[in-house]
């Protein structure tokens, strides 16, 4: 199966498992889960048939591990990034001292004034390493990496979660917990 096909499937699944499940006639259960059979049937009914083999390949090869099967391999979900109301049943966890957020350079001034907001998603997405944050920030232009003082935020009562694919989640990051890092040299500014 081609890489292009897997990318199309991943985008299709992202749209319907994270944003518009009702558009293809599925309903997400607590945790964001839907049965694999229900998803495959819904895809076929909406003129985008996916085989079980293709579905497994998308889950296994996604560089960001966007999707996960449950332990029985009968349920699937998007790990995070939902714009619809869904309880992912994540437990609060103590974050590492520092986390990172990649953004495009034109957004930095506004972020340093108001902080990082979740926008249409349930949470702000943070990375545990600079390389991942840089990749995320480069999606829409020249990346800038922001360091998040997660330890201090946690001390001040902010609740952090970690999704199954390692993305750190929090409701908001106020500007006083942020520092910029040069995207070229990795040094703080």
Protein backbone atom coordinates (compact mmCIF):
# COMPACT_ATOMS: atom_id res chain seq x y z
CA UNK A 1 0.00 0.00 0.00
CA UNK A 2 1.28 3.43 -0.85
CA UNK A 3 2.35 6.10 1.60
CA UNK A 4 0.02 8.55 -0.15
CA UNK A 5 -2.94 6.26 0.57
CA UNK A 6 -1.96 6.00 4.25
CA UNK A 7 -1.75 9.80 4.52
CA UNK A 8 -5.24 10.14 2.99
CA UNK A 9 -6.61 7.59 5.44
CA UNK A 10 -4.94 9.35 8.37
CA UNK A 11 -6.44 12.71 7.36
CA UNK A 12 -9.87 11.14 6.89
CA UNK A 13 -9.69 9.48 10.30
CA UNK A 14 -8.45 12.69 11.95
CA UNK A 15 -11.42 14.59 10.59
CA UNK A 16 -14.01 12.09 11.73
CA UNK A 17 -12.48 10.76 14.95
CA UNK A 18 -11.47 14.22 16.22
CA UNK A 19 -13.90 16.72 14.75
CA UNK A 20 -17.02 15.41 12.95
CA UNK A 21 -17.90 11.81 13.88
CA UNK A 22 -21.61 12.45 13.36
CA UNK A 23 -20.97 13.35 9.70
CA UNK A 24 -20.24 9.69 8.94
CA UNK A 25 -22.75 8.35 11.44
CA UNK A 26 -20.50 7.29 14.30
CA UNK A 27 -20.70 8.25 17.95
CA UNK A 28 -17.64 8.30 20.17
CA UNK A 29 -17.92 6.41 23.45
CA UNK A 30 -16.23 7.61 26.66
CA UNK A 31 -12.51 7.73 26.05
CA UNK A 32 -13.14 8.73 22.42
CA UNK A 33 -13.46 5.08 21.39
CA UNK A 34 -15.44 3.64 18.49
CA UNK A 35 -15.52 0.01 17.40
CA UNK A 36 -13.25 -0.80 14.49
CA UNK A 37 -16.14 -2.52 12.70
CA UNK A 38 -18.36 0.55 13.10
CA UNK A 39 -15.62 2.84 11.77
CA UNK A 40 -14.87 0.62 8.76
CA UNK A 41 -18.58 0.31 7.92
CA UNK A 42 -19.09 4.07 8.22
CA UNK A 43 -16.09 4.75 5.98
CA UNK A 44 -17.40 2.35 3.33
CA UNK A 45 -20.89 3.88 3.54
CA UNK A 46 -19.36 7.31 2.89
CA UNK A 47 -17.47 6.24 -0.22
CA UNK A 48 -14.09 5.97 1.49
CA UNK A 49 -13.60 2.25 2.10
CA UNK A 50 -10.66 1.31 4.33
CA UNK A 51 -9.45 -2.22 4.93
CA UNK A 52 -8.52 -3.54 8.36
CA UNK A 53 -4.95 -3.93 7.07
CA UNK A 54 -4.81 -0.26 6.01
CA UNK A 55 -6.23 0.84 9.35
CA UNK A 56 -3.60 -1.15 11.23
CA UNK A 57 -0.86 0.30 9.01
CA UNK A 58 -2.00 3.87 9.72
CA UNK A 59 -2.00 3.26 13.48
CA UNK A 60 1.38 1.51 13.37
CA UNK A 61 3.21 3.93 11.09
CA UNK A 62 1.87 7.34 12.12
CA UNK A 63 4.90 9.37 13.16
CA UNK A 64 2.80 11.27 15.69
CA UNK A 65 0.88 8.19 16.88
CA UNK A 66 -2.39 10.03 16.35
CA UNK A 67 -4.51 6.90 16.78
CA UNK A 68 -4.58 3.92 19.12
CA UNK A 69 -6.28 0.57 19.42
CA UNK A 70 -7.46 -0.69 22.78
CA UNK A 71 -5.87 -3.85 24.21
CA UNK A 72 -8.43 -6.06 22.45
CA UNK A 73 -7.84 -4.41 19.05
CA UNK A 74 -11.60 -4.01 18.66
CA UNK A 75 -11.75 -0.29 19.52
CA UNK A 76 -9.91 2.67 18.01
CA UNK A 77 -9.63 6.34 18.90
CA UNK A 78 -7.73 9.53 18.17
CA UNK A 79 -5.30 10.10 21.04
CA UNK A 80 -5.90 13.86 21.31
CA UNK A 81 -6.63 16.96 19.25
CA UNK A 82 -10.43 16.79 19.43
CA UNK A 83 -12.51 19.87 18.76
CA UNK A 84 -15.70 18.12 19.90
CA UNK A 85 -16.63 17.40 23.48
CA UNK A 86 -15.17 14.04 24.48
CA UNK A 87 -13.82 12.69 27.75
CA UNK A 88 -10.53 10.99 26.88
CA UNK A 89 -10.39 9.60 30.43
CA UNK A 90 -6.88 10.89 30.97
CA UNK A 91 -5.49 10.96 34.50
CA UNK A 92 -3.58 14.01 35.79
CA UNK A 93 0.18 13.48 35.93
CA UNK A 94 3.18 15.42 37.20
CA UNK A 95 4.93 17.00 34.21
CA UNK A 96 8.68 17.22 33.63
CA UNK A 97 10.32 20.49 34.63
CA UNK A 98 10.29 21.86 31.09
CA UNK A 99 8.00 21.29 28.14
CA UNK A 100 8.08 22.86 24.69
CA UNK A 101 5.63 24.38 22.26
CA UNK A 102 6.37 25.00 18.61
CA UNK A 103 4.63 27.81 16.80
CA UNK A 104 5.12 29.96 13.74
CA UNK A 105 7.12 33.16 14.17
CA UNK A 106 4.20 35.48 13.38
CA UNK A 107 2.27 34.15 16.41
CA UNK A 108 4.99 34.73 19.01
CA UNK A 109 4.17 38.34 19.93
CA UNK A 110 0.52 37.52 20.63
CA UNK A 111 1.43 34.39 22.59
CA UNK A 112 3.91 36.30 24.75
CA UNK A 113 1.08 38.75 25.58
CA UNK A 114 -1.77 36.31 26.29
CA UNK A 115 -0.15 32.89 26.64
CA UNK A 116 -0.84 29.72 24.71
CA UNK A 117 -4.55 29.05 24.30
CA UNK A 118 -6.19 25.80 23.32
CA UNK A 119 -8.13 27.54 20.55
CA UNK A 120 -10.71 25.05 19.18
CA UNK A 121 -9.11 22.03 20.85
CA UNK A 122 -9.66 20.66 24.34
CA UNK A 123 -6.10 21.38 25.47
CA UNK A 124 -2.87 23.11 24.61
CA UNK A 125 -0.46 20.55 23.12
CA UNK A 126 3.10 20.49 24.46
CA UNK A 127 6.13 18.38 23.60
CA UNK A 128 8.74 16.87 25.87
CA UNK A 129 11.53 17.59 23.36
CA UNK A 130 12.66 20.51 21.22
CA UNK A 131 12.83 18.50 17.97
CA UNK A 132 9.13 17.61 18.08
CA UNK A 133 8.16 21.18 18.96
CA UNK A 134 10.25 22.46 16.04
CA UNK A 135 8.50 20.07 13.64
CA UNK A 136 5.10 21.23 14.89
CA UNK A 137 6.07 24.89 14.62
CA UNK A 138 7.35 24.46 11.06
CA UNK A 139 3.97 23.36 9.72
CA UNK A 140 2.91 26.93 8.92
CA UNK A 141 6.13 28.86 8.53
CA UNK A 142 9.38 29.64 10.30
CA UNK A 143 9.25 27.82 13.64
CA UNK A 144 9.87 29.36 17.03
CA UNK A 145 10.17 27.14 20.07
CA UNK A 146 8.74 28.22 23.40
CA UNK A 147 9.96 26.72 26.67
CA UNK A 148 7.20 26.11 29.19
CA UNK A 149 8.10 26.13 32.90
CA UNK A 150 5.83 23.17 33.60
CA UNK A 151 7.24 22.53 37.06
CA UNK A 152 6.31 26.02 38.21
CA UNK A 153 2.89 25.80 36.56
CA UNK A 154 2.26 22.50 38.35
CA UNK A 155 3.32 24.07 41.68
CA UNK A 156 0.78 26.80 40.99
CA UNK A 157 -2.08 24.33 40.51
CA UNK A 158 -2.20 23.75 36.77
CA UNK A 159 -3.27 20.22 35.83
CA UNK A 160 -1.32 18.31 33.19
CA UNK A 161 -2.24 15.18 31.28
CA UNK A 162 -0.20 12.97 28.98
CA UNK A 163 -1.92 11.34 26.03
CA UNK A 164 -1.15 7.79 24.93
CA UNK A 165 1.15 9.11 22.21
CA UNK A 166 3.22 11.22 24.61
CA UNK A 167 1.72 14.64 23.96
CA UNK A 168 1.45 16.75 27.10
CA UNK A 169 -1.87 18.54 27.58
CA UNK A 170 -2.91 21.51 29.71
CA UNK A 171 -5.80 23.98 29.52
CA UNK A 172 -3.74 27.17 29.10
CA UNK A 173 -0.16 28.38 29.44
CA UNK A 174 0.00 31.96 30.76
CA UNK A 175 2.82 34.12 29.38
CA UNK A 176 4.72 34.28 32.66
CA UNK A 177 5.65 30.60 32.24
CA UNK A 178 7.08 31.06 28.72
CA UNK A 179 10.50 31.79 27.23
CA UNK A 180 11.45 31.76 23.56
CA UNK A 181 14.24 29.63 22.17
CA UNK A 182 16.05 30.44 18.96
CA UNK A 183 14.75 27.94 16.39
CA UNK A 184 18.18 27.85 14.76
CA UNK A 185 20.50 27.36 17.72
CA UNK A 186 18.29 26.05 20.51
CA UNK A 187 19.39 28.81 22.89
CA UNK A 188 17.08 30.82 25.09
CA UNK A 189 16.41 34.45 24.21
